[in-house]
Amino acid sequence: MEVIVKNEDVKNIQTDVLIYATTEDELKVIDTRFEKLLTNVVGSGDFKAELNKIHVLYPKDIMKAERVLLVGLGKKEELDLEKVRRAFATAIQALSGFKIKNVAVYHSNIDSFQESDIITCMLEGIILGNYRFSKYVTENKEKILINLQKIQIVEDDKSIINSLQETTNKLKIICENVNFTRNLVNESGNITHPDMLENITKNFAKKYNFKFKVLKEKELKKLGMNLLLAVGRGSPYSSRLILVEYHGDKNSDKHLILIGKGITFDTGGLNLKSSEWMINMKDDMAGAATVLGMIKTASELKIKKNIAALIPACENMIGPNAYKPGDVIKSYDGKTVEIIDTDAEGRLILADAITYAINHMKPSIILDFATLTGSIMRTFGNFVTGLFSNDDDLSNRIYSAGQKTFERVWRMPIYDEYREDIKGDISDLKNLGPKEYGGAISAAAFLEAFVGKTKWAHFDIAGSAYFEKQKFYIPKGGTGVGIRLFVELLKEL
């Protein structure tokens, strides 16, 4: 898909659809620009530019665009950038079923925001809002997805065309990698397994010239990564630790380590999940998909940072060798862990991966991403990611990046009482605190026990990584949450 910024009279833009966004205040102004095209529409009250309201016009002999899709932004004084994203997602989704390949976008005067921010949100709404996982749809696919080939952005100010083109080039990469991540999460559970994760990572490591390494069972046993090995014992697919490294700054020895939970399917193990909870457990590798999307984005944007993605990958299945409640397992760190619940498996594989990163990679910062707990969903639902960290400055920067991108996070505490909850009775630790309350915090406290003094942040994306229903530019299924936040965060680190 091509994204072009043009300085041209909006009436002369040749395109299948011109998406024209306007506030209620500017409606009469744009009527003049359109040579009274809107007189009947405005006069009749059919379109009042209320937020997310749309109206299609066919401007024959007045404009070169075949159609004009008006989209309302509401009252100018109430407008924010998230509303711009949502309005353009609403617009592109309204065009589903139209036989179009090209769109142009234009907006009325919005002087309360930087033009680059407005353009960013317009494009995010269109590209992210046009996403559907349609790989397995064989009939009428064109009715659910527009095969966009070109997006033209009409810009009045000639002096900022070049800077806006640079902005849109970067944004296209970011949005396409959000959709890459969504595709990985949405892939069928019979396709996604540890072998597949390894192969995908190996293939794009080769494409982007990343350093690639995988540790399989023999090496994991030798190292003593027993927690990772235990979780995968019930599956026909062996556990592994997958590593890719991007070196964007060869003059620095600092490494940002991303760790993504790679449970490619989670039955809950012997503590079997109910069917209503198990149906979407192909999404339990969303953390792995997220860190792959992040390192891919960093490379394509040529970001001057050294970044590694580490994925502990396995399935949590039932089998004759499956690990059991009551087992005591020695971690790679050396701490012993009593298994209280086999469905609290994500923290186990992350603990061994964190230890590996600290022992072998000397990270300056560790960020881990995991669909870790149902508890965080009870707290935040789908709309906020739970954040846990041992560093105030890092947390503040993450929060700021989340506010800017609307991939919002909220920092949760890890008090001593929660650390006490995961201390073992016959072991150093146990993998589950009290079942009734505070599960997200006790899970984070478990991870913290393996972090030591390394600067660390944990993102519990159990709710935000997968939606049951579409919400504006966020589709049903995998959301790709975290990619846009990560790019914004890198500006601050």
Foldseek 3Di string as FASTA:
>chain_A
DAEAEDADLQQEDAFQEEEEEEELVCVVVVCVSQVNQCVVVVVVVVDRLAQLDWDKDQSPPRGNHRIYIYWHQYHLVPGDLLSLLLSLLSRLQVCQVPQGAEYEYYYDDNPPDDPLSSVLSNVLSNLLSQDDQCPPPDPPPSRNHHNHDYYYYHDNDPVCRVVSSVSVVLSVLLSVLLSQLQNQLPDDLVQDAPVNLQVVVVVVCVVLVWDKDKAWDVRCVVLQQWLLQQQFFADPDTKMKIKTKDALAPPDLAEEEEEFEAACAEQQEPLGDDPVVRVSRNNQRSQVSLVVSQVSSCSVVSPNHIYMYMYTHHHRYYHPSHDDQQDWGQHSLRFIEGENTSSQRRLSSLLNRLLCCVVPRVHLEYEYEGLGDPQVCVVPAQQEKEKEWPDPVLVVLLQVLCVSVSNHYDYDDQDVVLLVQQQDPVTRGYSAGDPPDDGVNNSVSSSVVRNPPRTYMYINNSRHQAACQDDRSAHHGGRSRPSSSSVSSSVVD
